[in-house]
Amino acid sequence: MSGTLNKVMLIGHLGDDVKIKHFDNGGCLARFPLATNETYTNKTTNEKVTNTDWHNIVVRNKAAEICEKYLSKGDKVYVEGKLRTRKWQGEDGVDKYTTEVNVDEFTFLSTKKDAVSNAEAKPAQDNNNQKSDNTEDDLPF
């Protein structure tokens, strides 16, 4: 392969609400942190270990407005885009760097608003139809 590729695909949960900035030219930019988790079992201690990575997400213009309107902290989202590293000088004169995912495509996987509407839409459970067996499965799904 003679070319290069800069492509990122993430599924994670928002670590904070979407912050948006509007510009004089009519454009806007939204930012939010996205957490991705890796869970495994430590073979020596048999404990479940979860590692969380945080990603700086940047969305522009109409997509940014959609994210601001529908996403909030805790929502699950799929994002696809490119990695970009920005450099700037801090107030102390020291160069600072940050790496961001500039989003091209996204899909909302679950939102808190969906969870609330689904909970309200479910009918009350009839006590006569409950399972008498209270065993729990150890299935991962």
N, C-alpha and C. Protein backbone atom coordinates (compact mmCIF):
# COMPACT_ATOMS: atom_id res chain seq x y z
N MET A 1 0.86 -1.18 0.00
CA MET A 1 0.00 0.00 0.00
C MET A 1 0.90 1.23 0.00
N SER A 2 0.73 2.08 -0.97
CA SER A 2 1.62 3.24 -1.10
C SER A 2 1.13 4.46 -0.33
N GLY A 3 -0.14 4.52 -0.01
CA GLY A 3 -0.69 5.69 0.67
C GLY A 3 -0.68 5.54 2.18
N THR A 4 -1.29 6.49 2.84
CA THR A 4 -1.42 6.43 4.30
C THR A 4 -2.89 6.52 4.66
N LEU A 5 -3.20 6.23 5.91
CA LEU A 5 -4.58 6.26 6.36
C LEU A 5 -4.64 6.85 7.75
N ASN A 6 -5.54 7.77 7.96
CA ASN A 6 -5.78 8.36 9.28
C ASN A 6 -7.27 8.22 9.54
N LYS A 7 -7.64 7.14 10.23
CA LYS A 7 -9.05 6.87 10.47
C LYS A 7 -9.22 6.31 11.87
N VAL A 8 -10.20 6.84 12.60
CA VAL A 8 -10.49 6.42 13.97
C VAL A 8 -11.96 6.06 14.05
N MET A 9 -12.26 4.93 14.69
CA MET A 9 -13.64 4.53 14.95
C MET A 9 -13.73 4.20 16.43
N LEU A 10 -14.65 4.87 17.13
CA LEU A 10 -14.80 4.66 18.57
C LEU A 10 -16.27 4.49 18.93
N ILE A 11 -16.52 3.64 19.92
CA ILE A 11 -17.82 3.54 20.56
C ILE A 11 -17.57 3.77 22.04
N GLY A 12 -18.23 4.76 22.59
CA GLY A 12 -18.00 5.07 23.99
C GLY A 12 -19.11 5.91 24.58
N HIS A 13 -18.89 6.34 25.81
CA HIS A 13 -19.87 7.14 26.55
C HIS A 13 -19.33 8.54 26.77
N LEU A 14 -20.20 9.54 26.62
CA LEU A 14 -19.80 10.92 26.87
C LEU A 14 -19.44 11.10 28.33
N GLY A 15 -18.30 11.74 28.57
CA GLY A 15 -17.85 12.01 29.93
C GLY A 15 -18.37 13.33 30.46
N ASP A 16 -18.98 14.13 29.60
CA ASP A 16 -19.51 15.44 29.99
C ASP A 16 -20.51 15.86 28.91
N ASP A 17 -21.26 16.90 29.19
CA ASP A 17 -22.18 17.43 28.18
C ASP A 17 -21.38 18.07 27.04
N VAL A 18 -22.01 18.19 25.90
CA VAL A 18 -21.39 18.79 24.72
C VAL A 18 -21.24 20.30 24.94
N LYS A 19 -20.05 20.81 24.68
CA LYS A 19 -19.78 22.26 24.77
C LYS A 19 -19.63 22.77 23.34
N ILE A 20 -20.38 23.83 23.00
CA ILE A 20 -20.37 24.34 21.63
C ILE A 20 -19.91 25.79 21.61
N LYS A 21 -19.20 26.14 20.55
CA LYS A 21 -18.75 27.52 20.36
C LYS A 21 -19.19 27.97 18.97
N HIS A 22 -19.86 29.12 18.91
CA HIS A 22 -20.33 29.67 17.64
C HIS A 22 -19.36 30.76 17.17
N PHE A 23 -19.13 30.82 15.86
CA PHE A 23 -18.20 31.78 15.27
C PHE A 23 -18.97 32.85 14.50
N ASP A 24 -18.31 33.98 14.26
CA ASP A 24 -18.93 35.10 13.56
C ASP A 24 -19.37 34.74 12.15
N ASN A 25 -18.67 33.81 11.51
CA ASN A 25 -19.00 33.44 10.13
C ASN A 25 -20.20 32.49 10.04
N GLY A 26 -20.80 32.15 11.19
CA GLY A 26 -21.98 31.27 11.19
C GLY A 26 -21.65 29.82 11.50
N GLY A 27 -20.40 29.46 11.47
CA GLY A 27 -20.01 28.09 11.78
C GLY A 27 -19.98 27.87 13.29
N CYS A 28 -19.85 26.62 13.67
CA CYS A 28 -19.73 26.31 15.09
C CYS A 28 -18.90 25.05 15.27
N LEU A 29 -18.43 24.85 16.50
CA LEU A 29 -17.58 23.72 16.83
C LEU A 29 -18.02 23.18 18.18
N ALA A 30 -18.23 21.87 18.25
CA ALA A 30 -18.63 21.23 19.51
C ALA A 30 -17.51 20.31 19.97
N ARG A 31 -17.34 20.25 21.29
CA ARG A 31 -16.33 19.38 21.88
C ARG A 31 -16.97 18.60 23.02
N PHE A 32 -16.50 17.35 23.17
CA PHE A 32 -16.89 16.56 24.34
C PHE A 32 -15.88 15.43 24.53
N PRO A 33 -15.70 15.01 25.79
CA PRO A 33 -14.83 13.87 26.06
C PRO A 33 -15.60 12.56 25.88
N LEU A 34 -14.93 11.56 25.33
CA LEU A 34 -15.55 10.25 25.11
C LEU A 34 -14.71 9.19 25.82
N ALA A 35 -15.34 8.37 26.63
CA ALA A 35 -14.65 7.30 27.36
C ALA A 35 -14.88 5.96 26.68
N THR A 36 -13.79 5.24 26.45
CA THR A 36 -13.88 3.86 25.97
C THR A 36 -13.27 2.97 27.04
N ASN A 37 -13.85 1.80 27.23
CA ASN A 37 -13.41 0.89 28.28
C ASN A 37 -12.93 -0.44 27.73
N GLU A 38 -11.93 -0.99 28.38
CA GLU A 38 -11.45 -2.34 28.10
C GLU A 38 -11.53 -3.11 29.40
N THR A 39 -12.24 -4.23 29.40
CA THR A 39 -12.39 -5.02 30.61
C THR A 39 -11.80 -6.41 30.38
N TYR A 40 -11.03 -6.87 31.36
CA TYR A 40 -10.46 -8.21 31.28
C TYR A 40 -10.33 -8.76 32.70
N THR A 41 -10.06 -10.05 32.79
CA THR A 41 -9.85 -10.68 34.09
C THR A 41 -8.37 -10.91 34.30
N ASN A 42 -7.85 -10.41 35.41
CA ASN A 42 -6.46 -10.62 35.78
C ASN A 42 -6.28 -12.09 36.12
N LYS A 43 -5.39 -12.78 35.40
CA LYS A 43 -5.26 -14.23 35.56
C LYS A 43 -4.66 -14.63 36.90
N THR A 44 -3.85 -13.76 37.50
CA THR A 44 -3.23 -14.13 38.78
C THR A 44 -4.17 -13.89 39.96
N THR A 45 -4.94 -12.80 39.92
CA THR A 45 -5.84 -12.48 41.04
C THR A 45 -7.28 -12.85 40.77
N ASN A 46 -7.60 -13.16 39.52
CA ASN A 46 -8.96 -13.49 39.09
C ASN A 46 -9.93 -12.32 39.28
N GLU A 47 -9.40 -11.10 39.37
CA GLU A 47 -10.24 -9.91 39.50
C GLU A 47 -10.54 -9.33 38.13
N LYS A 48 -11.72 -8.73 38.01
CA LYS A 48 -12.07 -8.01 36.78
C LYS A 48 -11.39 -6.65 36.82
N VAL A 49 -10.70 -6.31 35.75
CA VAL A 49 -9.99 -5.04 35.65
C VAL A 49 -10.58 -4.26 34.48
N THR A 50 -10.88 -2.97 34.71
CA THR A 50 -11.39 -2.12 33.64
C THR A 50 -10.44 -0.95 33.45
N ASN A 51 -9.97 -0.78 32.23
CA ASN A 51 -9.13 0.37 31.87
C ASN A 51 -9.97 1.31 31.02
N THR A 52 -9.94 2.59 31.36
CA THR A 52 -10.69 3.60 30.62
C THR A 52 -9.72 4.52 29.90
N ASP A 53 -9.98 4.74 28.61
CA ASP A 53 -9.23 5.72 27.83
C ASP A 53 -10.16 6.87 27.49
N TRP A 54 -9.62 8.10 27.55
CA TRP A 54 -10.41 9.29 27.26
C TRP A 54 -9.96 9.89 25.94
N HIS A 55 -10.94 10.29 25.12
CA HIS A 55 -10.67 10.84 23.79
C HIS A 55 -11.35 12.21 23.69
N ASN A 56 -10.63 13.18 23.11
CA ASN A 56 -11.18 14.51 22.88
C ASN A 56 -11.86 14.51 21.51
N ILE A 57 -13.17 14.73 21.50
CA ILE A 57 -13.96 14.67 20.27
C ILE A 57 -14.31 16.08 19.82
N VAL A 58 -14.17 16.33 18.50
CA VAL A 58 -14.50 17.62 17.90
C VAL A 58 -15.46 17.39 16.73
N VAL A 59 -16.59 18.10 16.76
CA VAL A 59 -17.60 18.00 15.70
C VAL A 59 -17.88 19.41 15.20
N ARG A 60 -18.08 19.58 13.91
CA ARG A 60 -18.24 20.92 13.34
C ARG A 60 -19.62 21.15 12.72
N ASN A 61 -20.01 22.41 12.73
CA ASN A 61 -21.17 22.97 12.03
C ASN A 61 -22.48 22.26 12.35
N LYS A 62 -23.25 21.84 11.36
CA LYS A 62 -24.58 21.28 11.59
C LYS A 62 -24.51 20.04 12.49
N ALA A 63 -23.50 19.22 12.27
CA ALA A 63 -23.33 18.02 13.10
C ALA A 63 -23.11 18.42 14.57
N ALA A 64 -22.39 19.51 14.79
CA ALA A 64 -22.14 20.00 16.15
C ALA A 64 -23.46 20.41 16.81
N GLU A 65 -24.32 21.08 16.06
CA GLU A 65 -25.61 21.52 16.60
C GLU A 65 -26.49 20.32 16.95
N ILE A 66 -26.44 19.27 16.13
CA ILE A 66 -27.22 18.06 16.38
C ILE A 66 -26.71 17.38 17.66
N CYS A 67 -25.39 17.28 17.80
CA CYS A 67 -24.81 16.67 19.01
C CYS A 67 -25.20 17.45 20.25
N GLU A 68 -25.14 18.78 20.18
CA GLU A 68 -25.49 19.61 21.33
C GLU A 68 -26.95 19.39 21.73
N LYS A 69 -27.81 19.26 20.73
CA LYS A 69 -29.25 19.13 20.99
C LYS A 69 -29.63 17.78 21.59
N TYR A 70 -28.99 16.70 21.13
CA TYR A 70 -29.46 15.37 21.50
C TYR A 70 -28.56 14.59 22.46
N LEU A 71 -27.30 14.96 22.60
CA LEU A 71 -26.39 14.20 23.45
C LEU A 71 -26.18 14.85 24.81
N SER A 72 -25.99 14.03 25.81
CA SER A 72 -25.63 14.53 27.14
C SER A 72 -24.74 13.51 27.82
N LYS A 73 -24.18 13.91 28.94
CA LYS A 73 -23.24 13.07 29.68
C LYS A 73 -23.83 11.68 29.91
N GLY A 74 -23.02 10.65 29.62
CA GLY A 74 -23.44 9.27 29.82
C GLY A 74 -23.99 8.59 28.58
N ASP A 75 -24.37 9.36 27.56
CA ASP A 75 -24.92 8.77 26.34
C ASP A 75 -23.86 7.97 25.60
N LYS A 76 -24.30 6.92 24.92
CA LYS A 76 -23.40 6.07 24.14
C LYS A 76 -23.47 6.48 22.68
N VAL A 77 -22.30 6.64 22.05
CA VAL A 77 -22.25 7.12 20.68
C VAL A 77 -21.11 6.45 19.91
N TYR A 78 -21.32 6.27 18.62
CA TYR A 78 -20.28 5.81 17.70
C TYR A 78 -19.79 7.02 16.94
N VAL A 79 -18.47 7.22 16.89
CA VAL A 79 -17.90 8.32 16.11
C VAL A 79 -16.83 7.77 15.18
N GLU A 80 -16.71 8.42 14.04
CA GLU A 80 -15.70 8.04 13.05
C GLU A 80 -15.06 9.32 12.54
N GLY A 81 -13.75 9.35 12.47
CA GLY A 81 -13.08 10.56 12.01
C GLY A 81 -11.59 10.38 11.88
N LYS A 82 -10.87 11.51 12.01
CA LYS A 82 -9.42 11.54 11.83
C LYS A 82 -8.76 12.09 13.09
N LEU A 83 -7.56 11.61 13.38
CA LEU A 83 -6.78 12.16 14.48
C LEU A 83 -6.08 13.43 14.02
N ARG A 84 -6.13 14.46 14.85
CA ARG A 84 -5.41 15.71 14.60
C ARG A 84 -4.73 16.12 15.89
N THR A 85 -3.49 16.56 15.79
CA THR A 85 -2.78 17.09 16.95
C THR A 85 -2.62 18.58 16.77
N ARG A 86 -3.07 19.34 17.77
CA ARG A 86 -2.95 20.80 17.74
C ARG A 86 -1.84 21.23 18.68
N LYS A 87 -1.20 22.32 18.31
CA LYS A 87 -0.15 22.90 19.15
C LYS A 87 -0.49 24.36 19.40
N TRP A 88 -0.28 24.80 20.63
CA TRP A 88 -0.48 26.21 20.96
C TRP A 88 0.48 26.56 22.08
N GLN A 89 0.59 27.83 22.33
CA GLN A 89 1.48 28.28 23.39
C GLN A 89 0.65 28.72 24.59
N GLY A 90 0.96 28.17 25.76
CA GLY A 90 0.26 28.51 26.98
C GLY A 90 0.66 29.89 27.47
N GLU A 91 -0.05 30.37 28.47
CA GLU A 91 0.23 31.69 29.05
C GLU A 91 1.65 31.77 29.60
N ASP A 92 2.20 30.63 29.99
CA ASP A 92 3.56 30.59 30.52
C ASP A 92 4.62 30.52 29.43
N GLY A 93 4.19 30.55 28.15
CA GLY A 93 5.12 30.52 27.02
C GLY A 93 5.56 29.13 26.60
N VAL A 94 5.06 28.10 27.30
CA VAL A 94 5.43 26.72 26.99
C VAL A 94 4.48 26.17 25.92
N ASP A 95 5.06 25.43 24.94
CA ASP A 95 4.25 24.79 23.91
C ASP A 95 3.39 23.69 24.53
N LYS A 96 2.13 23.67 24.15
CA LYS A 96 1.19 22.64 24.62
C LYS A 96 0.64 21.92 23.39
N TYR A 97 0.28 20.64 23.59
CA TYR A 97 -0.24 19.81 22.51
C TYR A 97 -1.50 19.09 22.98
N THR A 98 -2.41 18.85 22.06
CA THR A 98 -3.56 17.99 22.34
C THR A 98 -3.90 17.22 21.07
N THR A 99 -4.32 15.98 21.25
CA THR A 99 -4.74 15.16 20.13
C THR A 99 -6.25 14.99 20.21
N GLU A 100 -6.91 15.23 19.08
CA GLU A 100 -8.37 15.20 19.01
C GLU A 100 -8.83 14.30 17.88
N VAL A 101 -10.05 13.81 18.01
CA VAL A 101 -10.71 13.08 16.92
C VAL A 101 -11.65 14.06 16.25
N ASN A 102 -11.35 14.44 14.99
CA ASN A 102 -12.21 15.30 14.21
C ASN A 102 -13.23 14.41 13.50
N VAL A 103 -14.48 14.51 13.93
CA VAL A 103 -15.53 13.57 13.53
C VAL A 103 -16.07 13.89 12.14
N ASP A 104 -16.17 12.84 11.31
CA ASP A 104 -16.80 12.92 9.99
C ASP A 104 -18.21 12.34 10.03
N GLU A 105 -18.37 11.25 10.81
CA GLU A 105 -19.66 10.56 10.90
C GLU A 105 -19.90 10.16 12.35
N PHE A 106 -21.17 10.08 12.73
CA PHE A 106 -21.52 9.63 14.08
C PHE A 106 -22.89 9.00 14.07
N THR A 107 -23.12 8.15 15.06
CA THR A 107 -24.42 7.50 15.25
C THR A 107 -24.71 7.47 16.74
N PHE A 108 -25.89 7.94 17.12
CA PHE A 108 -26.31 7.86 18.52
C PHE A 108 -26.72 6.41 18.79
N LEU A 109 -26.12 5.79 19.78
CA LEU A 109 -26.46 4.40 20.10
C LEU A 109 -27.48 4.32 21.23
N SER A 110 -27.34 5.18 22.23
CA SER A 110 -28.35 5.27 23.28
C SER A 110 -28.21 6.62 23.95
N THR A 111 -29.34 7.20 24.29
CA THR A 111 -29.33 8.48 24.99
C THR A 111 -30.15 8.34 26.25
N LYS A 112 -29.90 9.20 27.20
CA LYS A 112 -30.68 9.18 28.44
C LYS A 112 -32.14 9.44 28.14
N LYS A 113 -32.40 10.29 27.15
CA LYS A 113 -33.78 10.59 26.79
C LYS A 113 -34.49 9.33 26.32
N ASP A 114 -33.79 8.46 25.55
CA ASP A 114 -34.36 7.19 25.11
C ASP A 114 -34.67 6.30 26.29
N ALA A 115 -33.74 6.22 27.24
CA ALA A 115 -33.92 5.35 28.40
C ALA A 115 -35.13 5.78 29.23
N VAL A 116 -35.31 7.09 29.39
CA VAL A 116 -36.45 7.59 30.15
C VAL A 116 -37.75 7.27 29.43
N SER A 117 -37.79 7.49 28.08
CA SER A 117 -39.02 7.20 27.34
C SER A 117 -39.34 5.72 27.34
N ASN A 118 -38.31 4.86 27.23
CA ASN A 118 -38.55 3.42 27.24
C ASN A 118 -39.06 2.97 28.60
N ALA A 119 -38.53 3.51 29.67
CA ALA A 119 -38.98 3.13 31.01
C ALA A 119 -40.42 3.54 31.24
N GLU A 120 -40.80 4.71 30.73
CA GLU A 120 -42.17 5.18 30.90
C GLU A 120 -43.13 4.38 30.03
N ALA A 121 -42.66 3.88 28.89
CA ALA A 121 -43.53 3.17 27.96
C ALA A 121 -43.80 1.73 28.39
N LYS A 122 -42.94 1.15 29.24
CA LYS A 122 -43.12 -0.24 29.65
C LYS A 122 -44.29 -0.34 30.63
N PRO A 123 -45.18 -1.32 30.42
CA PRO A 123 -46.30 -1.50 31.35
C PRO A 123 -45.79 -2.08 32.67
N ALA A 124 -46.54 -1.86 33.71
CA ALA A 124 -46.19 -2.41 35.03
C ALA A 124 -46.20 -3.92 34.93
N GLN A 125 -45.27 -4.56 35.61
CA GLN A 125 -45.15 -6.02 35.54
C GLN A 125 -46.23 -6.67 36.40
N ASP A 126 -46.84 -7.70 35.86
CA ASP A 126 -47.87 -8.44 36.57
C ASP A 126 -47.18 -9.45 37.49
N ASN A 127 -47.49 -9.40 38.79
CA ASN A 127 -46.85 -10.29 39.76
C ASN A 127 -47.11 -11.76 39.49
N ASN A 128 -48.21 -12.09 38.80
CA ASN A 128 -48.52 -13.48 38.50
C ASN A 128 -47.61 -14.06 37.43
N ASN A 129 -46.97 -13.21 36.66
CA ASN A 129 -46.12 -13.69 35.57
C ASN A 129 -44.64 -13.70 35.94
N GLN A 130 -44.29 -13.43 37.17
CA GLN A 130 -42.89 -13.40 37.57
C GLN A 130 -42.33 -14.81 37.65
N LYS A 131 -41.02 -14.93 37.37
CA LYS A 131 -40.34 -16.21 37.49
C LYS A 131 -40.18 -16.54 38.97
N SER A 132 -40.37 -17.80 39.29
CA SER A 132 -40.16 -18.20 40.67
C SER A 132 -38.70 -18.55 40.91
N ASP A 133 -37.94 -18.80 39.86
CA ASP A 133 -36.54 -19.15 39.96
C ASP A 133 -35.70 -17.88 40.00
N ASN A 134 -35.00 -17.63 41.09
CA ASN A 134 -34.21 -16.41 41.25
C ASN A 134 -32.74 -16.59 40.95
N THR A 135 -32.37 -17.61 40.20
CA THR A 135 -30.96 -17.83 39.87
C THR A 135 -30.53 -16.83 38.82
N GLU A 136 -29.26 -16.41 38.91
CA GLU A 136 -28.71 -15.47 37.93
C GLU A 136 -27.70 -16.20 37.05
N ASP A 137 -27.72 -15.91 35.78
CA ASP A 137 -26.74 -16.48 34.85
C ASP A 137 -25.45 -15.68 34.91
N ASP A 138 -24.35 -16.32 34.63
CA ASP A 138 -23.06 -15.65 34.55
C ASP A 138 -22.70 -15.34 33.10
N LEU A 139 -23.71 -15.14 32.27
CA LEU A 139 -23.48 -14.87 30.87
C LEU A 139 -23.02 -13.42 30.69
N PRO A 140 -22.07 -13.19 29.78
CA PRO A 140 -21.56 -11.82 29.57
C PRO A 140 -22.48 -10.96 28.73
N PHE A 141 -23.64 -11.47 28.33
CA PHE A 141 -24.57 -10.68 27.51
C PHE A 141 -25.98 -10.80 28.00
